[in-house]
Amino acid sequence: MAFITIAGQFIFLFNLFWSMKFGKKASDNPWEATTLEWTTATPPPHDNFAGRTPVIHHGPYEYSVPGEPRDFVMQTDPLTVAVR
């Protein structure tokens, strides 16, 4: 049984190092999250928002907004649809 566990660990380590060397880099917001920490660059700079204070237009969890071009709205995106 221990050999199977060790073999599984070698597969994991091989995949880890292969992905680090040849894998595709993730974008700044790979999960299309809507909260403020995803508006900065990846990895974030030392002062996080580069000396500017972000302006908030929405709550942190604006998903499935009717009339929006994407299925989510970032906190810093201005309102693009008319509110009734």
N, C-alpha and C. Protein backbone atom coordinates (compact mmCIF):
# COMPACT_ATOMS: atom_id res chain seq x y z
N MET A 1 0.81 -1.20 0.00
CA MET A 1 0.00 0.00 0.00
C MET A 1 0.86 1.27 0.00
N ALA A 2 1.98 1.22 0.69
CA ALA A 2 2.84 2.40 0.76
C ALA A 2 3.42 2.74 -0.60
N PHE A 3 3.67 1.72 -1.45
CA PHE A 3 4.20 1.99 -2.78
C PHE A 3 3.19 2.75 -3.63
N ILE A 4 1.93 2.44 -3.48
CA ILE A 4 0.88 3.14 -4.23
C ILE A 4 0.80 4.60 -3.79
N THR A 5 0.90 4.83 -2.50
CA THR A 5 0.87 6.20 -1.98
C THR A 5 2.08 6.99 -2.46
N ILE A 6 3.25 6.38 -2.44
CA ILE A 6 4.47 7.05 -2.91
C ILE A 6 4.38 7.33 -4.41
N ALA A 7 3.87 6.39 -5.18
CA ALA A 7 3.71 6.59 -6.62
C ALA A 7 2.76 7.76 -6.89
N GLY A 8 1.70 7.86 -6.11
CA GLY A 8 0.77 8.99 -6.25
C GLY A 8 1.45 10.32 -5.96
N GLN A 9 2.33 10.35 -4.98
CA GLN A 9 3.07 11.57 -4.65
C GLN A 9 4.04 11.95 -5.78
N PHE A 10 4.67 10.96 -6.40
CA PHE A 10 5.55 11.26 -7.52
C PHE A 10 4.78 11.83 -8.71
N ILE A 11 3.59 11.31 -8.95
CA ILE A 11 2.75 11.86 -10.02
C ILE A 11 2.41 13.31 -9.71
N PHE A 12 2.04 13.60 -8.46
CA PHE A 12 1.74 14.97 -8.05
C PHE A 12 2.94 15.88 -8.25
N LEU A 13 4.12 15.46 -7.77
CA LEU A 13 5.32 16.29 -7.88
C LEU A 13 5.71 16.52 -9.34
N PHE A 14 5.61 15.49 -10.17
CA PHE A 14 5.91 15.64 -11.59
C PHE A 14 4.97 16.67 -12.21
N ASN A 15 3.69 16.56 -11.94
CA ASN A 15 2.70 17.50 -12.48
C ASN A 15 2.96 18.92 -11.97
N LEU A 16 3.31 19.08 -10.71
CA LEU A 16 3.59 20.39 -10.14
C LEU A 16 4.76 21.07 -10.86
N PHE A 17 5.88 20.37 -10.98
CA PHE A 17 7.05 20.97 -11.61
C PHE A 17 6.86 21.15 -13.12
N TRP A 18 6.17 20.23 -13.77
CA TRP A 18 5.88 20.38 -15.20
C TRP A 18 5.02 21.62 -15.44
N SER A 19 4.00 21.82 -14.62
CA SER A 19 3.12 22.98 -14.76
C SER A 19 3.87 24.27 -14.46
N MET A 20 4.76 24.27 -13.49
CA MET A 20 5.54 25.47 -13.19
C MET A 20 6.45 25.84 -14.35
N LYS A 21 7.00 24.86 -15.03
CA LYS A 21 7.95 25.12 -16.12
C LYS A 21 7.24 25.40 -17.45
N PHE A 22 6.23 24.60 -17.80
CA PHE A 22 5.63 24.67 -19.12
C PHE A 22 4.17 25.11 -19.12
N GLY A 23 3.58 25.29 -17.96
CA GLY A 23 2.16 25.61 -17.87
C GLY A 23 1.83 27.04 -18.29
N LYS A 24 0.59 27.25 -18.67
CA LYS A 24 0.13 28.57 -19.07
C LYS A 24 -0.08 29.44 -17.84
N LYS A 25 0.34 30.69 -17.90
CA LYS A 25 0.18 31.61 -16.78
C LYS A 25 -1.29 32.01 -16.66
N ALA A 26 -1.76 32.17 -15.44
CA ALA A 26 -3.14 32.58 -15.20
C ALA A 26 -3.29 34.08 -15.44
N SER A 27 -4.47 34.50 -15.83
CA SER A 27 -4.74 35.92 -16.04
C SER A 27 -4.92 36.61 -14.68
N ASP A 28 -5.12 37.93 -14.70
CA ASP A 28 -5.27 38.67 -13.44
C ASP A 28 -6.53 38.27 -12.68
N ASN A 29 -7.58 37.86 -13.36
CA ASN A 29 -8.83 37.47 -12.71
C ASN A 29 -9.34 36.19 -13.36
N PRO A 30 -8.70 35.04 -13.09
CA PRO A 30 -9.06 33.82 -13.80
C PRO A 30 -10.45 33.28 -13.48
N TRP A 31 -11.00 33.59 -12.31
CA TRP A 31 -12.31 33.09 -11.93
C TRP A 31 -13.41 34.12 -12.15
N GLU A 32 -13.06 35.28 -12.73
CA GLU A 32 -14.01 36.37 -12.97
C GLU A 32 -14.75 36.74 -11.68
N ALA A 33 -13.99 36.85 -10.60
CA ALA A 33 -14.54 37.27 -9.32
C ALA A 33 -14.82 38.76 -9.36
N THR A 34 -15.75 39.24 -8.56
CA THR A 34 -16.19 40.63 -8.64
C THR A 34 -15.69 41.51 -7.51
N THR A 35 -14.93 40.98 -6.57
CA THR A 35 -14.50 41.77 -5.42
C THR A 35 -13.23 42.56 -5.73
N LEU A 36 -12.92 43.52 -4.88
CA LEU A 36 -11.85 44.48 -5.13
C LEU A 36 -10.46 43.88 -5.30
N GLU A 37 -10.15 42.81 -4.59
CA GLU A 37 -8.79 42.28 -4.68
C GLU A 37 -8.47 41.77 -6.08
N TRP A 38 -9.49 41.53 -6.91
CA TRP A 38 -9.25 41.05 -8.27
C TRP A 38 -9.09 42.20 -9.27
N THR A 39 -9.15 43.45 -8.82
CA THR A 39 -8.92 44.58 -9.72
C THR A 39 -7.45 44.97 -9.79
N THR A 40 -6.62 44.41 -8.94
CA THR A 40 -5.18 44.71 -8.97
C THR A 40 -4.46 43.71 -9.87
N ALA A 41 -3.21 43.98 -10.15
CA ALA A 41 -2.40 43.09 -10.98
C ALA A 41 -2.02 41.84 -10.19
N THR A 42 -1.63 40.79 -10.91
CA THR A 42 -1.18 39.57 -10.28
C THR A 42 0.27 39.35 -10.62
N PRO A 43 1.17 39.23 -9.69
CA PRO A 43 1.03 39.42 -8.25
C PRO A 43 0.81 40.90 -7.93
N PRO A 44 0.14 41.18 -6.84
CA PRO A 44 -0.17 42.57 -6.52
C PRO A 44 1.07 43.39 -6.19
N PRO A 45 1.07 44.67 -6.57
CA PRO A 45 2.20 45.53 -6.22
C PRO A 45 2.26 45.77 -4.71
N HIS A 46 3.34 46.36 -4.25
CA HIS A 46 3.55 46.55 -2.82
C HIS A 46 2.41 47.33 -2.17
N ASP A 47 1.94 48.41 -2.81
CA ASP A 47 0.88 49.20 -2.20
C ASP A 47 -0.51 48.79 -2.70
N ASN A 48 -0.64 47.68 -3.38
CA ASN A 48 -1.86 47.03 -3.81
C ASN A 48 -2.67 47.80 -4.85
N PHE A 49 -3.05 49.04 -4.60
CA PHE A 49 -3.84 49.79 -5.57
C PHE A 49 -3.03 50.91 -6.21
N ALA A 50 -1.70 50.84 -6.13
CA ALA A 50 -0.77 51.77 -6.78
C ALA A 50 -1.07 53.23 -6.45
N GLY A 51 -1.39 53.52 -5.20
CA GLY A 51 -1.58 54.89 -4.77
C GLY A 51 -2.92 55.51 -5.12
N ARG A 52 -3.80 54.77 -5.75
CA ARG A 52 -5.12 55.30 -6.07
C ARG A 52 -6.18 54.55 -5.28
N THR A 53 -7.18 55.28 -4.83
CA THR A 53 -8.27 54.66 -4.10
C THR A 53 -9.36 54.26 -5.09
N PRO A 54 -9.75 52.98 -5.14
CA PRO A 54 -10.77 52.57 -6.09
C PRO A 54 -12.15 53.15 -5.73
N VAL A 55 -12.92 53.46 -6.75
CA VAL A 55 -14.29 53.96 -6.57
C VAL A 55 -15.23 52.77 -6.69
N ILE A 56 -16.09 52.60 -5.69
CA ILE A 56 -17.00 51.46 -5.64
C ILE A 56 -18.36 51.87 -6.19
N HIS A 57 -18.90 51.08 -7.15
CA HIS A 57 -20.20 51.36 -7.74
C HIS A 57 -21.24 50.29 -7.40
N HIS A 58 -20.78 49.10 -7.02
CA HIS A 58 -21.68 47.96 -6.78
C HIS A 58 -21.25 47.21 -5.53
N GLY A 59 -22.11 46.31 -5.11
CA GLY A 59 -21.76 45.40 -4.03
C GLY A 59 -20.79 44.34 -4.54
N PRO A 60 -20.22 43.52 -3.66
CA PRO A 60 -19.19 42.58 -4.07
C PRO A 60 -19.71 41.37 -4.86
N TYR A 61 -21.01 41.08 -4.81
CA TYR A 61 -21.51 39.85 -5.44
C TYR A 61 -22.63 40.17 -6.41
N GLU A 62 -22.32 40.87 -7.48
CA GLU A 62 -23.30 41.22 -8.50
C GLU A 62 -23.18 40.23 -9.66
N TYR A 63 -23.90 39.12 -9.54
CA TYR A 63 -23.89 38.10 -10.58
C TYR A 63 -25.27 38.05 -11.24
N SER A 64 -25.28 37.60 -12.49
CA SER A 64 -26.52 37.41 -13.25
C SER A 64 -27.34 38.69 -13.31
N VAL A 65 -26.70 39.79 -13.72
CA VAL A 65 -27.36 41.08 -13.84
C VAL A 65 -28.00 41.17 -15.21
N PRO A 66 -29.33 41.35 -15.30
CA PRO A 66 -29.99 41.42 -16.60
C PRO A 66 -29.50 42.62 -17.40
N GLY A 67 -29.25 42.43 -18.69
CA GLY A 67 -28.85 43.50 -19.57
C GLY A 67 -27.36 43.80 -19.60
N GLU A 68 -26.58 43.19 -18.75
CA GLU A 68 -25.13 43.42 -18.74
C GLU A 68 -24.47 42.54 -19.80
N PRO A 69 -23.39 43.03 -20.41
CA PRO A 69 -22.71 42.23 -21.44
C PRO A 69 -22.03 40.97 -20.89
N ARG A 70 -21.61 41.00 -19.62
CA ARG A 70 -21.03 39.81 -18.97
C ARG A 70 -22.02 39.32 -17.92
N ASP A 71 -21.78 38.14 -17.41
CA ASP A 71 -22.68 37.56 -16.41
C ASP A 71 -22.40 38.09 -15.01
N PHE A 72 -21.47 39.01 -14.89
CA PHE A 72 -21.11 39.55 -13.58
C PHE A 72 -20.77 41.02 -13.75
N VAL A 73 -20.75 41.76 -12.65
CA VAL A 73 -20.38 43.18 -12.66
C VAL A 73 -19.33 43.37 -11.57
N MET A 74 -18.17 43.91 -11.96
CA MET A 74 -17.12 44.20 -10.99
C MET A 74 -17.57 45.35 -10.09
N GLN A 75 -17.04 45.41 -8.88
CA GLN A 75 -17.38 46.49 -7.95
C GLN A 75 -17.00 47.85 -8.50
N THR A 76 -15.97 47.92 -9.30
CA THR A 76 -15.48 49.19 -9.81
C THR A 76 -16.08 49.58 -11.16
N ASP A 77 -16.88 48.71 -11.78
CA ASP A 77 -17.52 49.04 -13.06
C ASP A 77 -18.70 49.98 -12.83
N PRO A 78 -18.81 51.05 -13.62
CA PRO A 78 -19.99 51.92 -13.49
C PRO A 78 -21.23 51.22 -14.00
N LEU A 79 -22.37 51.69 -13.58
CA LEU A 79 -23.65 51.10 -13.99
C LEU A 79 -23.88 51.36 -15.47
N THR A 80 -24.21 50.29 -16.24
CA THR A 80 -24.41 50.44 -17.68
C THR A 80 -25.86 50.22 -18.10
N VAL A 81 -26.69 49.67 -17.22
CA VAL A 81 -28.10 49.47 -17.55
C VAL A 81 -28.95 50.41 -16.70
N ALA A 82 -30.11 50.75 -17.23
CA ALA A 82 -31.01 51.64 -16.49
C ALA A 82 -31.65 50.89 -15.33
N VAL A 83 -31.71 51.55 -14.18
CA VAL A 83 -32.32 50.96 -12.99
C VAL A 83 -33.78 51.37 -12.96
N ARG A 84 -34.67 50.40 -12.73
CA ARG A 84 -36.10 50.71 -12.68
C ARG A 84 -36.57 50.84 -11.27
